[in-house]
Amino acid sequence: MSVQIQRINSRSAQAIQLRGQGLTLQEIGGVLGVTKERARQLLAESPIPIFNPLVTTHGVMKLLGFKPHGSRCASFKRFLQRMGLKPVRELNGHTYWRAEDLQVLPTIYCRRCGVAIPVARLRRRAFFCSRACKDRFRAAKRYSALKTAKEEGR
């Protein structure tokens, strides 16, 4: 890739390298001393396909199979942070994540039966493979709470 970058003019090469670091078009334009539109044009001229390594929370939801909705993005952001991912930056009210980090999301297992749960089916904090597992888990938890309460009452 570096050989191909050397064949393009230096301004385009610099724009490609800055985009690879995750800078926005506005920031690339500021560094190069051109407008945002000209930065976009420089990137479009390159023979190398440009991949932006940053994805918004909304984009992450789409990639993982969730239906994005404005009010859900904040709770999904907290979910990603609980999974060990850290946002790269906050810009104009959007949170950006590294696309390569999304590939290493840990596998979540049902708290009752141990079956792996697809990421698209995860809901809130309690992770279960089905409604039946969730109900059985809660029933067992209530039973153990009642049992300990009875033992303490003796």
N, C-alpha and C. Protein backbone atom coordinates (compact mmCIF):
# COMPACT_ATOMS: atom_id res chain seq x y z
N MET A 1 0.83 -1.19 0.00
CA MET A 1 0.00 0.00 0.00
C MET A 1 0.87 1.25 0.00
N SER A 2 1.99 1.24 0.73
CA SER A 2 2.85 2.41 0.79
C SER A 2 3.47 2.72 -0.57
N VAL A 3 3.70 1.69 -1.40
CA VAL A 3 4.24 1.91 -2.74
C VAL A 3 3.21 2.63 -3.60
N GLN A 4 1.95 2.24 -3.47
CA GLN A 4 0.89 2.91 -4.22
C GLN A 4 0.72 4.35 -3.76
N ILE A 5 0.85 4.60 -2.47
CA ILE A 5 0.71 5.95 -1.95
C ILE A 5 1.82 6.85 -2.49
N GLN A 6 3.02 6.29 -2.69
CA GLN A 6 4.12 7.10 -3.20
C GLN A 6 3.87 7.55 -4.64
N ARG A 7 3.08 6.76 -5.40
CA ARG A 7 2.80 7.13 -6.79
C ARG A 7 1.81 8.28 -6.91
N ILE A 8 1.02 8.52 -5.91
CA ILE A 8 0.05 9.62 -5.95
C ILE A 8 0.76 10.89 -5.47
N ASN A 9 0.15 12.03 -5.77
CA ASN A 9 0.81 13.27 -5.32
C ASN A 9 0.83 13.34 -3.80
N SER A 10 1.72 14.14 -3.28
CA SER A 10 1.97 14.15 -1.84
C SER A 10 0.76 14.61 -1.03
N ARG A 11 -0.02 15.53 -1.58
CA ARG A 11 -1.19 16.02 -0.85
C ARG A 11 -2.23 14.91 -0.68
N SER A 12 -2.49 14.17 -1.75
CA SER A 12 -3.43 13.05 -1.67
C SER A 12 -2.91 11.97 -0.72
N ALA A 13 -1.60 11.72 -0.79
CA ALA A 13 -1.01 10.71 0.09
C ALA A 13 -1.17 11.11 1.55
N GLN A 14 -0.97 12.40 1.82
CA GLN A 14 -1.12 12.87 3.20
C GLN A 14 -2.58 12.76 3.64
N ALA A 15 -3.50 13.08 2.73
CA ALA A 15 -4.94 12.97 3.05
C ALA A 15 -5.31 11.53 3.36
N ILE A 16 -4.76 10.59 2.59
CA ILE A 16 -5.05 9.16 2.82
C ILE A 16 -4.51 8.72 4.17
N GLN A 17 -3.31 9.12 4.50
CA GLN A 17 -2.73 8.74 5.79
C GLN A 17 -3.52 9.34 6.95
N LEU A 18 -3.97 10.58 6.81
CA LEU A 18 -4.75 11.21 7.87
C LEU A 18 -6.10 10.52 8.04
N ARG A 19 -6.72 10.14 6.92
CA ARG A 19 -8.01 9.44 6.99
C ARG A 19 -7.83 8.08 7.66
N GLY A 20 -6.71 7.42 7.37
CA GLY A 20 -6.41 6.14 7.99
C GLY A 20 -6.23 6.23 9.49
N GLN A 21 -5.85 7.42 9.97
CA GLN A 21 -5.71 7.65 11.42
C GLN A 21 -7.05 7.97 12.07
N GLY A 22 -8.10 8.12 11.24
CA GLY A 22 -9.43 8.34 11.78
C GLY A 22 -9.87 9.78 11.82
N LEU A 23 -9.16 10.68 11.13
CA LEU A 23 -9.56 12.08 11.12
C LEU A 23 -10.77 12.28 10.21
N THR A 24 -11.60 13.25 10.54
CA THR A 24 -12.74 13.58 9.71
C THR A 24 -12.28 14.43 8.54
N LEU A 25 -13.15 14.61 7.55
CA LEU A 25 -12.81 15.44 6.39
C LEU A 25 -12.50 16.87 6.82
N GLN A 26 -13.25 17.38 7.79
CA GLN A 26 -13.03 18.74 8.30
C GLN A 26 -11.63 18.86 8.90
N GLU A 27 -11.23 17.86 9.69
CA GLU A 27 -9.91 17.88 10.31
C GLU A 27 -8.79 17.72 9.28
N ILE A 28 -9.01 16.87 8.28
CA ILE A 28 -8.02 16.71 7.21
C ILE A 28 -7.85 18.03 6.46
N GLY A 29 -8.98 18.68 6.16
CA GLY A 29 -8.93 19.97 5.48
C GLY A 29 -8.17 21.00 6.30
N GLY A 30 -8.35 20.99 7.61
CA GLY A 30 -7.63 21.93 8.48
C GLY A 30 -6.13 21.69 8.46
N VAL A 31 -5.71 20.43 8.48
CA VAL A 31 -4.29 20.10 8.46
C VAL A 31 -3.65 20.48 7.12
N LEU A 32 -4.36 20.19 6.02
CA LEU A 32 -3.83 20.46 4.69
C LEU A 32 -4.04 21.91 4.23
N GLY A 33 -4.88 22.64 4.94
CA GLY A 33 -5.16 24.02 4.56
C GLY A 33 -6.11 24.11 3.37
N VAL A 34 -7.04 23.14 3.26
CA VAL A 34 -8.04 23.17 2.19
C VAL A 34 -9.42 23.01 2.82
N THR A 35 -10.45 23.13 1.99
CA THR A 35 -11.81 22.97 2.50
C THR A 35 -12.13 21.49 2.69
N LYS A 36 -13.23 21.24 3.37
CA LYS A 36 -13.68 19.87 3.60
C LYS A 36 -13.99 19.19 2.26
N GLU A 37 -14.59 19.93 1.34
CA GLU A 37 -14.93 19.39 0.02
C GLU A 37 -13.67 19.00 -0.76
N ARG A 38 -12.64 19.85 -0.70
CA ARG A 38 -11.40 19.55 -1.40
C ARG A 38 -10.71 18.32 -0.80
N ALA A 39 -10.81 18.17 0.52
CA ALA A 39 -10.25 16.98 1.18
C ALA A 39 -10.97 15.73 0.68
N ARG A 40 -12.28 15.82 0.53
CA ARG A 40 -13.06 14.69 0.00
C ARG A 40 -12.62 14.36 -1.43
N GLN A 41 -12.39 15.41 -2.23
CA GLN A 41 -11.96 15.21 -3.62
C GLN A 41 -10.58 14.56 -3.68
N LEU A 42 -9.68 14.98 -2.80
CA LEU A 42 -8.34 14.37 -2.77
C LEU A 42 -8.43 12.88 -2.46
N LEU A 43 -9.30 12.54 -1.54
CA LEU A 43 -9.47 11.13 -1.19
C LEU A 43 -10.13 10.36 -2.33
N ALA A 44 -11.04 11.01 -3.05
CA ALA A 44 -11.72 10.35 -4.17
C ALA A 44 -10.78 10.10 -5.34
N GLU A 45 -9.74 10.92 -5.49
CA GLU A 45 -8.78 10.78 -6.58
C GLU A 45 -7.89 9.54 -6.42
N SER A 46 -7.75 9.06 -5.22
CA SER A 46 -6.78 7.99 -4.96
C SER A 46 -7.24 6.67 -5.58
N PRO A 47 -6.29 5.89 -6.11
CA PRO A 47 -6.63 4.58 -6.67
C PRO A 47 -6.87 3.52 -5.59
N ILE A 48 -6.54 3.85 -4.35
CA ILE A 48 -6.68 2.92 -3.24
C ILE A 48 -8.06 3.14 -2.60
N PRO A 49 -8.82 2.08 -2.36
CA PRO A 49 -10.09 2.27 -1.67
C PRO A 49 -9.84 2.76 -0.24
N ILE A 50 -10.52 3.81 0.14
CA ILE A 50 -10.33 4.40 1.46
C ILE A 50 -11.39 3.83 2.41
N PHE A 51 -10.93 3.32 3.52
CA PHE A 51 -11.82 2.78 4.53
C PHE A 51 -11.66 3.62 5.79
N ASN A 52 -12.75 4.19 6.24
CA ASN A 52 -12.70 4.96 7.48
C ASN A 52 -12.72 3.98 8.64
N PRO A 53 -11.69 3.97 9.48
CA PRO A 53 -11.62 3.00 10.56
C PRO A 53 -12.56 3.30 11.73
N LEU A 54 -13.26 4.44 11.68
CA LEU A 54 -14.14 4.81 12.78
C LEU A 54 -15.60 4.64 12.38
N VAL A 55 -16.41 4.17 13.32
CA VAL A 55 -17.83 3.96 13.09
C VAL A 55 -18.59 4.61 14.25
N THR A 56 -19.70 5.27 13.94
CA THR A 56 -20.52 5.87 14.99
C THR A 56 -21.28 4.78 15.74
N THR A 57 -21.85 5.12 16.87
CA THR A 57 -22.64 4.16 17.64
C THR A 57 -23.81 3.67 16.80
N HIS A 58 -24.42 4.58 16.04
CA HIS A 58 -25.53 4.24 15.15
C HIS A 58 -25.07 3.20 14.12
N GLY A 59 -23.88 3.41 13.55
CA GLY A 59 -23.33 2.47 12.57
C GLY A 59 -23.02 1.12 13.18
N VAL A 60 -22.53 1.13 14.42
CA VAL A 60 -22.23 -0.14 15.11
C VAL A 60 -23.52 -0.93 15.30
N MET A 61 -24.59 -0.23 15.68
CA MET A 61 -25.87 -0.92 15.88
C MET A 61 -26.31 -1.59 14.58
N LYS A 62 -26.17 -0.88 13.46
CA LYS A 62 -26.55 -1.46 12.17
C LYS A 62 -25.69 -2.67 11.82
N LEU A 63 -24.38 -2.56 12.06
CA LEU A 63 -23.47 -3.66 11.75
C LEU A 63 -23.79 -4.91 12.54
N LEU A 64 -24.21 -4.75 13.78
CA LEU A 64 -24.48 -5.90 14.65
C LEU A 64 -25.90 -6.42 14.55
N GLY A 65 -26.71 -5.80 13.67
CA GLY A 65 -28.06 -6.31 13.44
C GLY A 65 -29.14 -5.71 14.31
N PHE A 66 -28.85 -4.66 15.05
CA PHE A 66 -29.88 -3.98 15.83
C PHE A 66 -30.58 -2.96 14.96
N LYS A 67 -31.79 -2.58 15.33
CA LYS A 67 -32.49 -1.51 14.62
C LYS A 67 -32.14 -0.21 15.33
N PRO A 68 -31.35 0.66 14.68
CA PRO A 68 -30.93 1.90 15.34
C PRO A 68 -32.11 2.82 15.60
N HIS A 69 -32.11 3.40 16.75
CA HIS A 69 -33.11 4.38 17.14
C HIS A 69 -32.41 5.37 18.06
N GLY A 70 -32.70 6.63 17.91
CA GLY A 70 -31.99 7.67 18.65
C GLY A 70 -31.89 7.45 20.15
N SER A 71 -32.99 7.05 20.77
CA SER A 71 -32.98 6.89 22.22
C SER A 71 -32.21 5.65 22.66
N ARG A 72 -32.04 4.67 21.76
CA ARG A 72 -31.34 3.45 22.13
C ARG A 72 -29.82 3.59 22.05
N CYS A 73 -29.32 4.59 21.32
CA CYS A 73 -27.88 4.72 21.11
C CYS A 73 -27.13 4.90 22.43
N ALA A 74 -27.69 5.67 23.36
CA ALA A 74 -27.01 5.92 24.63
C ALA A 74 -26.89 4.63 25.45
N SER A 75 -27.96 3.83 25.50
CA SER A 75 -27.88 2.59 26.26
C SER A 75 -26.97 1.58 25.54
N PHE A 76 -26.96 1.61 24.21
CA PHE A 76 -26.08 0.72 23.45
C PHE A 76 -24.62 1.11 23.66
N LYS A 77 -24.39 2.41 23.79
CA LYS A 77 -23.02 2.91 24.07
C LYS A 77 -22.55 2.36 25.42
N ARG A 78 -23.41 2.39 26.43
CA ARG A 78 -23.06 1.84 27.74
C ARG A 78 -22.82 0.33 27.65
N PHE A 79 -23.64 -0.35 26.83
CA PHE A 79 -23.47 -1.78 26.62
C PHE A 79 -22.09 -2.08 26.05
N LEU A 80 -21.67 -1.32 25.02
CA LEU A 80 -20.36 -1.54 24.41
C LEU A 80 -19.24 -1.29 25.42
N GLN A 81 -19.43 -0.29 26.28
CA GLN A 81 -18.41 -0.01 27.29
C GLN A 81 -18.34 -1.13 28.32
N ARG A 82 -19.49 -1.72 28.67
CA ARG A 82 -19.49 -2.87 29.59
C ARG A 82 -18.80 -4.08 28.97
N MET A 83 -18.84 -4.15 27.63
CA MET A 83 -18.20 -5.26 26.92
C MET A 83 -16.69 -5.05 26.79
N GLY A 84 -16.18 -3.93 27.29
CA GLY A 84 -14.75 -3.69 27.27
C GLY A 84 -14.26 -2.81 26.14
N LEU A 85 -15.15 -2.28 25.32
CA LEU A 85 -14.73 -1.40 24.23
C LEU A 85 -14.69 0.04 24.72
N LYS A 86 -13.74 0.79 24.22
CA LYS A 86 -13.63 2.19 24.60
C LYS A 86 -13.83 3.05 23.36
N PRO A 87 -14.66 4.10 23.47
CA PRO A 87 -14.84 4.97 22.31
C PRO A 87 -13.54 5.70 21.99
N VAL A 88 -13.32 5.95 20.70
CA VAL A 88 -12.11 6.62 20.26
C VAL A 88 -12.24 8.12 20.46
N ARG A 89 -13.43 8.66 20.13
CA ARG A 89 -13.63 10.10 20.26
C ARG A 89 -15.11 10.45 20.31
N GLU A 90 -15.37 11.63 20.83
CA GLU A 90 -16.70 12.22 20.84
C GLU A 90 -16.60 13.47 19.98
N LEU A 91 -17.45 13.59 18.96
CA LEU A 91 -17.38 14.74 18.07
C LEU A 91 -18.78 15.10 17.61
N ASN A 92 -19.17 16.34 17.83
CA ASN A 92 -20.48 16.84 17.40
C ASN A 92 -21.64 15.97 17.90
N GLY A 93 -21.54 15.51 19.11
CA GLY A 93 -22.61 14.70 19.70
C GLY A 93 -22.61 13.25 19.27
N HIS A 94 -21.62 12.82 18.50
CA HIS A 94 -21.53 11.43 18.06
C HIS A 94 -20.34 10.76 18.74
N THR A 95 -20.51 9.49 19.06
CA THR A 95 -19.42 8.71 19.63
C THR A 95 -18.87 7.81 18.54
N TYR A 96 -17.56 7.78 18.40
CA TYR A 96 -16.91 6.99 17.36
C TYR A 96 -16.14 5.83 17.99
N TRP A 97 -16.25 4.67 17.33
CA TRP A 97 -15.60 3.44 17.77
C TRP A 97 -14.70 2.95 16.66
N ARG A 98 -13.64 2.24 17.00
CA ARG A 98 -12.76 1.64 16.01
C ARG A 98 -13.41 0.38 15.44
N ALA A 99 -13.50 0.31 14.12
CA ALA A 99 -14.17 -0.83 13.47
C ALA A 99 -13.46 -2.14 13.80
N GLU A 100 -12.13 -2.11 13.87
CA GLU A 100 -11.38 -3.35 14.15
C GLU A 100 -11.66 -3.87 15.55
N ASP A 101 -12.00 -3.00 16.49
CA ASP A 101 -12.31 -3.43 17.86
C ASP A 101 -13.61 -4.22 17.91
N LEU A 102 -14.52 -3.96 16.98
CA LEU A 102 -15.82 -4.64 17.00
C LEU A 102 -15.69 -6.12 16.67
N GLN A 103 -14.61 -6.49 16.01
CA GLN A 103 -14.42 -7.89 15.64
C GLN A 103 -14.05 -8.75 16.84
N VAL A 104 -13.63 -8.13 17.92
CA VAL A 104 -13.20 -8.90 19.08
C VAL A 104 -14.19 -8.83 20.24
N LEU A 105 -15.45 -8.56 19.91
CA LEU A 105 -16.47 -8.57 20.96
C LEU A 105 -16.53 -9.97 21.57
N PRO A 106 -16.53 -10.07 22.87
CA PRO A 106 -16.56 -11.40 23.50
C PRO A 106 -17.90 -12.09 23.27
N THR A 107 -17.88 -13.41 23.31
CA THR A 107 -19.11 -14.18 23.17
C THR A 107 -19.84 -14.15 24.51
N ILE A 108 -21.14 -13.94 24.46
CA ILE A 108 -21.97 -13.91 25.67
C ILE A 108 -22.72 -15.24 25.75
N TYR A 109 -22.78 -15.78 26.95
CA TYR A 109 -23.46 -17.06 27.15
C TYR A 109 -24.67 -16.85 28.06
N CYS A 110 -25.69 -17.67 27.83
CA CYS A 110 -26.91 -17.63 28.64
C CYS A 110 -26.54 -17.88 30.10
N ARG A 111 -27.13 -17.08 30.99
CA ARG A 111 -26.81 -17.21 32.41
C ARG A 111 -27.38 -18.49 33.02
N ARG A 112 -28.36 -19.10 32.34
CA ARG A 112 -28.95 -20.30 32.89
C ARG A 112 -28.41 -21.58 32.25
N CYS A 113 -28.47 -21.66 30.90
CA CYS A 113 -28.11 -22.92 30.25
C CYS A 113 -26.74 -22.92 29.58
N GLY A 114 -26.10 -21.75 29.44
CA GLY A 114 -24.75 -21.69 28.89
C GLY A 114 -24.63 -21.68 27.38
N VAL A 115 -25.75 -21.53 26.66
CA VAL A 115 -25.73 -21.48 25.20
C VAL A 115 -25.19 -20.11 24.76
N ALA A 116 -24.37 -20.08 23.69
CA ALA A 116 -23.86 -18.81 23.17
C ALA A 116 -25.01 -18.01 22.57
N ILE A 117 -25.03 -16.72 22.85
CA ILE A 117 -26.09 -15.84 22.38
C ILE A 117 -25.54 -14.95 21.28
N PRO A 118 -26.23 -14.89 20.11
CA PRO A 118 -25.78 -13.97 19.06
C PRO A 118 -25.89 -12.52 19.55
N VAL A 119 -24.95 -11.68 19.14
CA VAL A 119 -24.93 -10.30 19.61
C VAL A 119 -26.23 -9.58 19.31
N ALA A 120 -26.86 -9.88 18.18
CA ALA A 120 -28.09 -9.20 17.79
C ALA A 120 -29.26 -9.50 18.73
N ARG A 121 -29.14 -10.54 19.56
CA ARG A 121 -30.24 -10.87 20.46
C ARG A 121 -30.03 -10.38 21.89
N LEU A 122 -28.93 -9.73 22.13
CA LEU A 122 -28.66 -9.27 23.49
C LEU A 122 -29.61 -8.14 23.87
N ARG A 123 -30.11 -8.18 25.03
CA ARG A 123 -31.03 -7.15 25.50
C ARG A 123 -30.64 -6.76 26.92
N ARG A 124 -30.55 -5.52 27.14
CA ARG A 124 -30.32 -4.92 28.46
C ARG A 124 -29.20 -5.60 29.23
N ARG A 125 -29.38 -5.79 30.53
CA ARG A 125 -28.29 -6.33 31.35
C ARG A 125 -28.36 -7.83 31.56
N ALA A 126 -29.56 -8.38 31.53
CA ALA A 126 -29.72 -9.81 31.78
C ALA A 126 -29.59 -10.54 30.45
N PHE A 127 -28.66 -11.48 30.36
CA PHE A 127 -28.39 -12.15 29.11
C PHE A 127 -28.90 -13.59 29.18
N PHE A 128 -29.95 -13.86 28.41
CA PHE A 128 -30.54 -15.19 28.35
C PHE A 128 -30.81 -15.55 26.90
N CYS A 129 -30.78 -16.86 26.59
CA CYS A 129 -31.00 -17.29 25.21
C CYS A 129 -32.48 -17.26 24.84
N SER A 130 -33.37 -17.37 25.82
CA SER A 130 -34.80 -17.36 25.51
C SER A 130 -35.58 -16.81 26.70
N ARG A 131 -36.83 -16.54 26.47
CA ARG A 131 -37.72 -16.06 27.54
C ARG A 131 -37.89 -17.13 28.61
N ALA A 132 -37.95 -18.39 28.17
CA ALA A 132 -38.12 -19.50 29.11
C ALA A 132 -36.93 -19.59 30.07
N CYS A 133 -35.71 -19.44 29.54
CA CYS A 133 -34.52 -19.47 30.40
C CYS A 133 -34.55 -18.31 31.38
N LYS A 134 -34.95 -17.15 30.91
CA LYS A 134 -35.02 -15.98 31.78
C LYS A 134 -36.02 -16.21 32.92
N ASP A 135 -37.21 -16.75 32.58
CA ASP A 135 -38.23 -17.01 33.60
C ASP A 135 -37.78 -18.06 34.60
N ARG A 136 -37.14 -19.13 34.11
CA ARG A 136 -36.65 -20.19 35.01
C ARG A 136 -35.56 -19.67 35.94
N PHE A 137 -34.68 -18.82 35.39
CA PHE A 137 -33.60 -18.25 36.19
C PHE A 137 -34.17 -17.38 37.30
N ARG A 138 -35.15 -16.55 36.96
CA ARG A 138 -35.76 -15.68 37.97
C ARG A 138 -36.52 -16.49 39.02
N ALA A 139 -37.21 -17.54 38.59
CA ALA A 139 -37.94 -18.38 39.54
C ALA A 139 -36.97 -19.05 40.51
N ALA A 140 -35.86 -19.56 40.00
CA ALA A 140 -34.86 -20.20 40.86
C ALA A 140 -34.26 -19.19 41.82
N LYS A 141 -34.06 -17.97 41.35
CA LYS A 141 -33.51 -16.93 42.21
C LYS A 141 -34.48 -16.56 43.34
N ARG A 142 -35.78 -16.46 42.98
CA ARG A 142 -36.80 -16.16 44.00
C ARG A 142 -36.89 -17.29 45.02
N TYR A 143 -36.83 -18.53 44.53
CA TYR A 143 -36.90 -19.68 45.42
C TYR A 143 -35.74 -19.68 46.40
N SER A 144 -34.52 -19.41 45.91
CA SER A 144 -33.37 -19.41 46.80
C SER A 144 -33.45 -18.25 47.80
N ALA A 145 -34.03 -17.12 47.37
CA ALA A 145 -34.19 -15.99 48.29
C ALA A 145 -35.20 -16.33 49.39
N LEU A 146 -36.30 -16.99 49.04
CA LEU A 146 -37.29 -17.41 50.03
C LEU A 146 -36.70 -18.44 50.99
N LYS A 147 -35.92 -19.37 50.46
CA LYS A 147 -35.32 -20.41 51.27
C LYS A 147 -34.35 -19.80 52.29
N THR A 148 -33.52 -18.85 51.87
CA THR A 148 -32.58 -18.22 52.81
C THR A 148 -33.35 -17.37 53.85
N ALA A 149 -34.44 -16.73 53.42
CA ALA A 149 -35.25 -15.93 54.37
C ALA A 149 -35.87 -16.84 55.44
N LYS A 150 -36.35 -18.03 55.04
CA LYS A 150 -36.92 -18.97 56.00
C LYS A 150 -35.86 -19.47 56.97
N GLU A 151 -34.66 -19.73 56.44
CA GLU A 151 -33.59 -20.22 57.31
C GLU A 151 -33.16 -19.16 58.31
N GLU A 152 -33.14 -17.90 57.90
CA GLU A 152 -32.78 -16.82 58.80
C GLU A 152 -33.86 -16.58 59.84
N GLY A 153 -35.13 -16.88 59.49
CA GLY A 153 -36.25 -16.67 60.39
C GLY A 153 -36.33 -17.69 61.51
N ARG A 154 -35.67 -18.81 61.40
CA ARG A 154 -35.74 -19.86 62.42
C ARG A 154 -35.00 -19.50 63.66
